[in-house]
Amino acid sequence: MLRLQMLPAGCGDCLWLEYGPHGESRIVIIDGGVSDTAKALRRRIETALQEREATVLEVELLVVTHIDNDHILGIIELLK
């Protein structure tokens, strides 16, 4: 299974990638968009937790392609 989802990131980029067998998929987050994108990321994380019936979500890889504000500010906000 491979699922690529573009999260709303304003003028930036934020991608949610899942791959692997159903029920055991792994998660990669690529870029975080602008600061407000952190809200969409949090909602997506909550959805993934519910889908997995889990309390902790393991993200295999977090990639920030470069440090322009439209790629990194959402990640900074999320990690706060």
PDB file of N, CA and C in Angstrom:
ATOM      1  N   MET A   1       0.841  -1.163   0.000  1.00  0.00           N
ATOM      2  CA  MET A   1       0.000   0.000   0.000  1.00  0.00           C
ATOM      3  C   MET A   1       0.891   1.232   0.000  1.00  0.00           C
ATOM      4  N   LEU A   2       0.508   2.209  -0.769  1.00  0.00           N
ATOM      5  CA  LEU A   2       1.187   3.493  -0.793  1.00  0.00           C
ATOM      6  C   LEU A   2       0.115   4.573  -0.866  1.00  0.00           C
ATOM      7  N   ARG A   3       0.171   5.501   0.084  1.00  0.00           N
ATOM      8  CA  ARG A   3      -0.797   6.601   0.104  1.00  0.00           C
ATOM      9  C   ARG A   3      -0.039   7.901   0.318  1.00  0.00           C
ATOM     10  N   LEU A   4      -0.237   8.837  -0.585  1.00  0.00           N
ATOM     11  CA  LEU A   4       0.383  10.151  -0.479  1.00  0.00           C
ATOM     12  C   LEU A   4      -0.729  11.183  -0.366  1.00  0.00           C
ATOM     13  N   GLN A   5      -0.655  11.983   0.674  1.00  0.00           N
ATOM     14  CA  GLN A   5      -1.688  12.981   0.925  1.00  0.00           C
ATOM     15  C   GLN A   5      -1.024  14.348   1.041  1.00  0.00           C
ATOM     16  N   MET A   6      -1.571  15.315   0.324  1.00  0.00           N
ATOM     17  CA  MET A   6      -1.091  16.696   0.425  1.00  0.00           C
ATOM     18  C   MET A   6      -1.957  17.417   1.454  1.00  0.00           C
ATOM     19  N   LEU A   7      -1.344  17.854   2.533  1.00  0.00           N
ATOM     20  CA  LEU A   7      -2.087  18.575   3.565  1.00  0.00           C
ATOM     21  C   LEU A   7      -2.121  20.059   3.212  1.00  0.00           C
ATOM     22  N   PRO A   8      -3.188  20.771   3.644  1.00  0.00           N
ATOM     23  CA  PRO A   8      -3.284  22.199   3.328  1.00  0.00           C
ATOM     24  C   PRO A   8      -2.131  22.960   3.977  1.00  0.00           C
ATOM     25  N   ALA A   9      -1.319  23.608   3.142  1.00  0.00           N
ATOM     26  CA  ALA A   9      -0.108  24.259   3.644  1.00  0.00           C
ATOM     27  C   ALA A   9       0.021  25.695   3.151  1.00  0.00           C
ATOM     28  N   GLY A  10      -1.080  26.288   2.776  1.00  0.00           N
ATOM     29  CA  GLY A  10      -1.003  27.663   2.290  1.00  0.00           C
ATOM     30  C   GLY A  10      -0.120  27.730   1.061  1.00  0.00           C
ATOM     31  N   CYS A  11       0.867  28.595   1.105  1.00  0.00           N
ATOM     32  CA  CYS A  11       1.769  28.749  -0.039  1.00  0.00           C
ATOM     33  C   CYS A  11       2.942  27.774   0.036  1.00  0.00           C
ATOM     34  N   GLY A  12       2.925  26.853   1.007  1.00  0.00           N
ATOM     35  CA  GLY A  12       4.041  25.928   1.195  1.00  0.00           C
ATOM     36  C   GLY A  12       3.697  24.506   0.821  1.00  0.00           C
ATOM     37  N   ASP A  13       4.452  23.594   1.371  1.00  0.00           N
ATOM     38  CA  ASP A  13       4.272  22.173   1.101  1.00  0.00           C
ATOM     39  C   ASP A  13       4.214  21.386   2.397  1.00  0.00           C
ATOM     40  N   CYS A  14       3.359  20.365   2.415  1.00  0.00           N
ATOM     41  CA  CYS A  14       3.287  19.435   3.536  1.00  0.00           C
ATOM     42  C   CYS A  14       2.693  18.131   3.015  1.00  0.00           C
ATOM     43  N   LEU A  15       3.491  17.077   3.034  1.00  0.00           N
ATOM     44  CA  LEU A  15       3.069  15.785   2.500  1.00  0.00           C
ATOM     45  C   LEU A  15       3.053  14.729   3.603  1.00  0.00           C
ATOM     46  N   TRP A  16       2.047  13.882   3.564  1.00  0.00           N
ATOM     47  CA  TRP A  16       1.887  12.752   4.481  1.00  0.00           C
ATOM     48  C   TRP A  16       1.971  11.500   3.617  1.00  0.00           C
ATOM     49  N   LEU A  17       2.973  10.689   3.850  1.00  0.00           N
ATOM     50  CA  LEU A  17       3.190   9.485   3.065  1.00  0.00           C
ATOM     51  C   LEU A  17       3.070   8.270   3.972  1.00  0.00           C
ATOM     52  N   GLU A  18       2.242   7.318   3.568  1.00  0.00           N
ATOM     53  CA  GLU A  18       2.137   6.037   4.269  1.00  0.00           C
ATOM     54  C   GLU A  18       2.464   4.930   3.279  1.00  0.00           C
ATOM     55  N   TYR A  19       3.221   3.961   3.741  1.00  0.00           N
ATOM     56  CA  TYR A  19       3.535   2.831   2.871  1.00  0.00           C
ATOM     57  C   TYR A  19       3.655   1.574   3.718  1.00  0.00           C
ATOM     58  N   GLY A  20       3.482   0.449   3.078  1.00  0.00           N
ATOM     59  CA  GLY A  20       3.588  -0.836   3.768  1.00  0.00           C
ATOM     60  C   GLY A  20       2.250  -1.541   3.815  1.00  0.00           C
ATOM     61  N   PRO A  21       2.243  -2.726   4.403  1.00  0.00           N
ATOM     62  CA  PRO A  21       1.007  -3.517   4.466  1.00  0.00           C
ATOM     63  C   PRO A  21      -0.079  -2.801   5.275  1.00  0.00           C
ATOM     64  N   HIS A  22      -1.330  -3.005   4.865  1.00  0.00           N
ATOM     65  CA  HIS A  22      -2.458  -2.427   5.590  1.00  0.00           C
ATOM     66  C   HIS A  22      -2.405  -2.872   7.053  1.00  0.00           C
ATOM     67  N   GLY A  23      -2.574  -1.938   7.956  1.00  0.00           N
ATOM     68  CA  GLY A  23      -2.527  -2.231   9.379  1.00  0.00           C
ATOM     69  C   GLY A  23      -1.128  -2.149   9.965  1.00  0.00           C
ATOM     70  N   GLU A  24      -0.121  -2.103   9.108  1.00  0.00           N
ATOM     71  CA  GLU A  24       1.275  -2.000   9.561  1.00  0.00           C
ATOM     72  C   GLU A  24       2.015  -0.919   8.780  1.00  0.00           C
ATOM     73  N   SER A  25       1.267   0.030   8.231  1.00  0.00           N
ATOM     74  CA  SER A  25       1.907   1.036   7.382  1.00  0.00           C
ATOM     75  C   SER A  25       2.831   1.934   8.199  1.00  0.00           C
ATOM     76  N   ARG A  26       3.813   2.448   7.527  1.00  0.00           N
ATOM     77  CA  ARG A  26       4.783   3.373   8.122  1.00  0.00           C
ATOM     78  C   ARG A  26       4.483   4.770   7.617  1.00  0.00           C
ATOM     79  N   ILE A  27       4.880   5.776   8.411  1.00  0.00           N
ATOM     80  CA  ILE A  27       4.534   7.161   8.110  1.00  0.00           C
ATOM     81  C   ILE A  27       5.792   7.990   7.892  1.00  0.00           C
ATOM     82  N   VAL A  28       5.753   8.800   6.849  1.00  0.00           N
ATOM     83  CA  VAL A  28       6.802   9.774   6.568  1.00  0.00           C
ATOM     84  C   VAL A  28       6.106  11.125   6.373  1.00  0.00           C
ATOM     85  N   ILE A  29       6.588  12.140   7.054  1.00  0.00           N
ATOM     86  CA  ILE A  29       6.085  13.502   6.874  1.00  0.00           C
ATOM     87  C   ILE A  29       7.168  14.290   6.149  1.00  0.00           C
ATOM     88  N   ILE A  30       6.770  14.927   5.057  1.00  0.00           N
ATOM     89  CA  ILE A  30       7.719  15.693   4.252  1.00  0.00           C
ATOM     90  C   ILE A  30       7.286  17.148   4.262  1.00  0.00           C
ATOM     91  N   ASP A  31       8.084  17.983   4.856  1.00  0.00           N
ATOM     92  CA  ASP A  31       7.851  19.422   5.003  1.00  0.00           C
ATOM     93  C   ASP A  31       6.623  19.699   5.871  1.00  0.00           C
ATOM     94  N   GLY A  32       6.548  20.936   6.348  1.00  0.00           N
ATOM     95  CA  GLY A  32       5.485  21.272   7.274  1.00  0.00           C
ATOM     96  C   GLY A  32       4.702  22.517   6.940  1.00  0.00           C
ATOM     97  N   GLY A  33       4.952  23.078   5.773  1.00  0.00           N
ATOM     98  CA  GLY A  33       4.205  24.263   5.401  1.00  0.00           C
ATOM     99  C   GLY A  33       4.480  25.443   6.316  1.00  0.00           C
ATOM    100  N   VAL A  34       3.558  26.387   6.322  1.00  0.00           N
ATOM    101  CA  VAL A  34       3.661  27.573   7.180  1.00  0.00           C
ATOM    102  C   VAL A  34       3.158  27.227   8.582  1.00  0.00           C
ATOM    103  N   SER A  35       3.251  28.166   9.513  1.00  0.00           N
ATOM    104  CA  SER A  35       2.888  27.892  10.913  1.00  0.00           C
ATOM    105  C   SER A  35       1.498  27.304  11.073  1.00  0.00           C
ATOM    106  N   ASP A  36       0.521  27.831  10.355  1.00  0.00           N
ATOM    107  CA  ASP A  36      -0.856  27.341  10.487  1.00  0.00           C
ATOM    108  C   ASP A  36      -1.015  25.892  10.039  1.00  0.00           C
ATOM    109  N   THR A  37      -0.088  25.389   9.270  1.00  0.00           N
ATOM    110  CA  THR A  37      -0.155  24.004   8.801  1.00  0.00           C
ATOM    111  C   THR A  37      -0.035  23.017   9.957  1.00  0.00           C
ATOM    112  N   ALA A  38       0.557  23.440  11.063  1.00  0.00           N
ATOM    113  CA  ALA A  38       0.686  22.563  12.231  1.00  0.00           C
ATOM    114  C   ALA A  38      -0.687  22.065  12.692  1.00  0.00           C
ATOM    115  N   LYS A  39      -1.715  22.882  12.550  1.00  0.00           N
ATOM    116  CA  LYS A  39      -3.072  22.461  12.933  1.00  0.00           C
ATOM    117  C   LYS A  39      -3.528  21.284  12.077  1.00  0.00           C
ATOM    118  N   ALA A  40      -3.296  21.365  10.773  1.00  0.00           N
ATOM    119  CA  ALA A  40      -3.669  20.265   9.872  1.00  0.00           C
ATOM    120  C   ALA A  40      -2.851  19.016  10.179  1.00  0.00           C
ATOM    121  N   LEU A  41      -1.584  19.190  10.493  1.00  0.00           N
ATOM    122  CA  LEU A  41      -0.743  18.041  10.857  1.00  0.00           C
ATOM    123  C   LEU A  41      -1.234  17.378  12.136  1.00  0.00           C
ATOM    124  N   ARG A  42      -1.592  18.196  13.123  1.00  0.00           N
ATOM    125  CA  ARG A  42      -2.116  17.632  14.375  1.00  0.00           C
ATOM    126  C   ARG A  42      -3.397  16.835  14.120  1.00  0.00           C
ATOM    127  N   ARG A  43      -4.289  17.384  13.302  1.00  0.00           N
ATOM    128  CA  ARG A  43      -5.531  16.665  12.974  1.00  0.00           C
ATOM    129  C   ARG A  43      -5.222  15.354  12.254  1.00  0.00           C
ATOM    130  N   ARG A  44      -4.252  15.377  11.356  1.00  0.00           N
ATOM    131  CA  ARG A  44      -3.904  14.153  10.611  1.00  0.00           C
ATOM    132  C   ARG A  44      -3.299  13.116  11.545  1.00  0.00           C
ATOM    133  N   ILE A  45      -2.494  13.569  12.497  1.00  0.00           N
ATOM    134  CA  ILE A  45      -1.916  12.658  13.492  1.00  0.00           C
ATOM    135  C   ILE A  45      -3.018  12.052  14.347  1.00  0.00           C
ATOM    136  N   GLU A  46      -3.976  12.870  14.772  1.00  0.00           N
ATOM    137  CA  GLU A  46      -5.102  12.358  15.567  1.00  0.00           C
ATOM    138  C   GLU A  46      -5.897  11.325  14.782  1.00  0.00           C
ATOM    139  N   THR A  47      -6.124  11.580  13.503  1.00  0.00           N
ATOM    140  CA  THR A  47      -6.837  10.625  12.647  1.00  0.00           C
ATOM    141  C   THR A  47      -6.066   9.313  12.552  1.00  0.00           C
ATOM    142  N   ALA A  48      -4.759   9.414  12.362  1.00  0.00           N
ATOM    143  CA  ALA A  48      -3.928   8.203  12.269  1.00  0.00           C
ATOM    144  C   ALA A  48      -3.954   7.411  13.581  1.00  0.00           C
ATOM    145  N   LEU A  49      -3.960   8.103  14.704  1.00  0.00           N
ATOM    146  CA  LEU A  49      -4.048   7.421  16.000  1.00  0.00           C
ATOM    147  C   LEU A  49      -5.372   6.671  16.121  1.00  0.00           C
ATOM    148  N   GLN A  50      -6.463   7.317  15.713  1.00  0.00           N
ATOM    149  CA  GLN A  50      -7.776   6.666  15.772  1.00  0.00           C
ATOM    150  C   GLN A  50      -7.836   5.471  14.832  1.00  0.00           C
ATOM    151  N   GLU A  51      -7.303   5.619  13.621  1.00  0.00           N
ATOM    152  CA  GLU A  51      -7.299   4.522  12.653  1.00  0.00           C
ATOM    153  C   GLU A  51      -6.547   3.307  13.185  1.00  0.00           C
ATOM    154  N   ARG A  52      -5.495   3.566  13.938  1.00  0.00           N
ATOM    155  CA  ARG A  52      -4.658   2.487  14.472  1.00  0.00           C
ATOM    156  C   ARG A  52      -5.078   2.046  15.874  1.00  0.00           C
ATOM    157  N   GLU A  53      -6.058   2.764  16.426  1.00  0.00           N
ATOM    158  CA  GLU A  53      -6.484   2.507  17.805  1.00  0.00           C
ATOM    159  C   GLU A  53      -5.267   2.508  18.730  1.00  0.00           C
ATOM    160  N   ALA A  54      -4.462   3.562  18.592  1.00  0.00           N
ATOM    161  CA  ALA A  54      -3.209   3.673  19.341  1.00  0.00           C
ATOM    162  C   ALA A  54      -3.205   4.960  20.163  1.00  0.00           C
ATOM    163  N   THR A  55      -2.293   5.022  21.113  1.00  0.00           N
ATOM    164  CA  THR A  55      -2.116   6.239  21.905  1.00  0.00           C
ATOM    165  C   THR A  55      -0.824   6.956  21.531  1.00  0.00           C
ATOM    166  N   VAL A  56       0.073   6.240  20.854  1.00  0.00           N
ATOM    167  CA  VAL A  56       1.339   6.808  20.400  1.00  0.00           C
ATOM    168  C   VAL A  56       1.485   6.508  18.914  1.00  0.00           C
ATOM    169  N   LEU A  57       1.909   7.501  18.163  1.00  0.00           N
ATOM    170  CA  LEU A  57       2.090   7.321  16.727  1.00  0.00           C
ATOM    171  C   LEU A  57       3.574   7.392  16.409  1.00  0.00           C
ATOM    172  N   GLU A  58       4.075   6.365  15.776  1.00  0.00           N
ATOM    173  CA  GLU A  58       5.471   6.350  15.375  1.00  0.00           C
ATOM    174  C   GLU A  58       5.584   6.883  13.953  1.00  0.00           C
ATOM    175  N   VAL A  59       6.358   7.957  13.808  1.00  0.00           N
ATOM    176  CA  VAL A  59       6.654   8.519  12.497  1.00  0.00           C
ATOM    177  C   VAL A  59       8.054   8.036  12.147  1.00  0.00           C
ATOM    178  N   GLU A  60       8.146   7.293  11.061  1.00  0.00           N
ATOM    179  CA  GLU A  60       9.438   6.714  10.700  1.00  0.00           C
ATOM    180  C   GLU A  60      10.452   7.776  10.296  1.00  0.00           C
ATOM    181  N   LEU A  61       9.978   8.791   9.599  1.00  0.00           N
ATOM    182  CA  LEU A  61      10.910   9.800   9.092  1.00  0.00           C
ATOM    183  C   LEU A  61      10.202  11.141   8.972  1.00  0.00           C
ATOM    184  N   LEU A  62      10.869  12.188   9.400  1.00  0.00           N
ATOM    185  CA  LEU A  62      10.405  13.558   9.228  1.00  0.00           C
ATOM    186  C   LEU A  62      11.445  14.266   8.368  1.00  0.00           C
ATOM    187  N   VAL A  63      11.030  14.738   7.208  1.00  0.00           N
ATOM    188  CA  VAL A  63      11.947  15.366   6.256  1.00  0.00           C
ATOM    189  C   VAL A  63      11.576  16.830   6.092  1.00  0.00           C
ATOM    190  N   VAL A  64      12.558  17.696   6.243  1.00  0.00           N
ATOM    191  CA  VAL A  64      12.401  19.102   5.890  1.00  0.00           C
ATOM    192  C   VAL A  64      13.357  19.325   4.723  1.00  0.00           C
ATOM    193  N   THR A  65      12.797  19.544   3.542  1.00  0.00           N
ATOM    194  CA  THR A  65      13.621  19.598   2.343  1.00  0.00           C
ATOM    195  C   THR A  65      14.549  20.801   2.313  1.00  0.00           C
ATOM    196  N   HIS A  66      14.105  21.919   2.877  1.00  0.00           N
ATOM    197  CA  HIS A  66      14.950  23.095   3.023  1.00  0.00           C
ATOM    198  C   HIS A  66      14.296  24.038   4.022  1.00  0.00           C
ATOM    199  N   ILE A  67      15.025  25.046   4.453  1.00  0.00           N
ATOM    200  CA  ILE A  67      14.574  25.834   5.602  1.00  0.00           C
ATOM    201  C   ILE A  67      13.821  27.104   5.242  1.00  0.00           C
ATOM    202  N   ASP A  68      13.265  27.180   4.048  1.00  0.00           N
ATOM    203  CA  ASP A  68      12.379  28.307   3.741  1.00  0.00           C
ATOM    204  C   ASP A  68      11.148  28.219   4.636  1.00  0.00           C
ATOM    205  N   ASN A  69      10.613  29.361   5.036  1.00  0.00           N
ATOM    206  CA  ASN A  69       9.490  29.407   5.973  1.00  0.00           C
ATOM    207  C   ASN A  69       8.288  28.583   5.530  1.00  0.00           C
ATOM    208  N   ASP A  70       8.038  28.499   4.228  1.00  0.00           N
ATOM    209  CA  ASP A  70       6.867  27.776   3.747  1.00  0.00           C
ATOM    210  C   ASP A  70       7.060  26.255   3.755  1.00  0.00           C
ATOM    211  N   HIS A  71       8.180  25.802   4.269  1.00  0.00           N
ATOM    212  CA  HIS A  71       8.439  24.369   4.401  1.00  0.00           C
ATOM    213  C   HIS A  71       8.709  23.965   5.852  1.00  0.00           C
ATOM    214  N   ILE A  72       9.215  24.878   6.661  1.00  0.00           N
ATOM    215  CA  ILE A  72       9.687  24.497   7.992  1.00  0.00           C
ATOM    216  C   ILE A  72       8.857  25.043   9.157  1.00  0.00           C
ATOM    217  N   LEU A  73       8.154  26.149   8.993  1.00  0.00           N
ATOM    218  CA  LEU A  73       7.478  26.766  10.144  1.00  0.00           C
ATOM    219  C   LEU A  73       6.413  25.856  10.761  1.00  0.00           C
ATOM    220  N   GLY A  74       5.699  25.108   9.949  1.00  0.00           N
ATOM    221  CA  GLY A  74       4.694  24.170  10.492  1.00  0.00           C
ATOM    222  C   GLY A  74       5.325  23.078  11.336  1.00  0.00           C
ATOM    223  N   ILE A  75       6.505  22.620  10.941  1.00  0.00           N
ATOM    224  CA  ILE A  75       7.219  21.596  11.719  1.00  0.00           C
ATOM    225  C   ILE A  75       7.680  22.165  13.040  1.00  0.00           C
ATOM    226  N   ILE A  76       8.226  23.383  13.010  1.00  0.00           N
ATOM    227  CA  ILE A  76       8.668  24.035  14.251  1.00  0.00           C
ATOM    228  C   ILE A  76       7.493  24.185  15.208  1.00  0.00           C
ATOM    229  N   GLU A  77       6.355  24.641  14.695  1.00  0.00           N
ATOM    230  CA  GLU A  77       5.154  24.812  15.528  1.00  0.00           C
ATOM    231  C   GLU A  77       4.675  23.474  16.074  1.00  0.00           C
ATOM    232  N   LEU A  78       4.676  22.454  15.247  1.00  0.00           N
ATOM    233  CA  LEU A  78       4.236  21.116  15.669  1.00  0.00           C
ATOM    234  C   LEU A  78       5.114  20.577  16.783  1.00  0.00           C
ATOM    235  N   LEU A  79       6.409  20.768  16.677  1.00  0.00           N
ATOM    236  CA  LEU A  79       7.347  20.211  17.652  1.00  0.00           C
ATOM    237  C   LEU A  79       7.356  20.967  18.978  1.00  0.00           C
ATOM    238  N   LYS A  80       6.785  22.176  18.983  1.00  0.00           N
ATOM    239  CA  LYS A  80       6.697  22.919  20.253  1.00  0.00           C
ATOM    240  C   LYS A  80       5.813  22.161  21.195  1.00  0.00           C
TER     241      LYS A  80
END
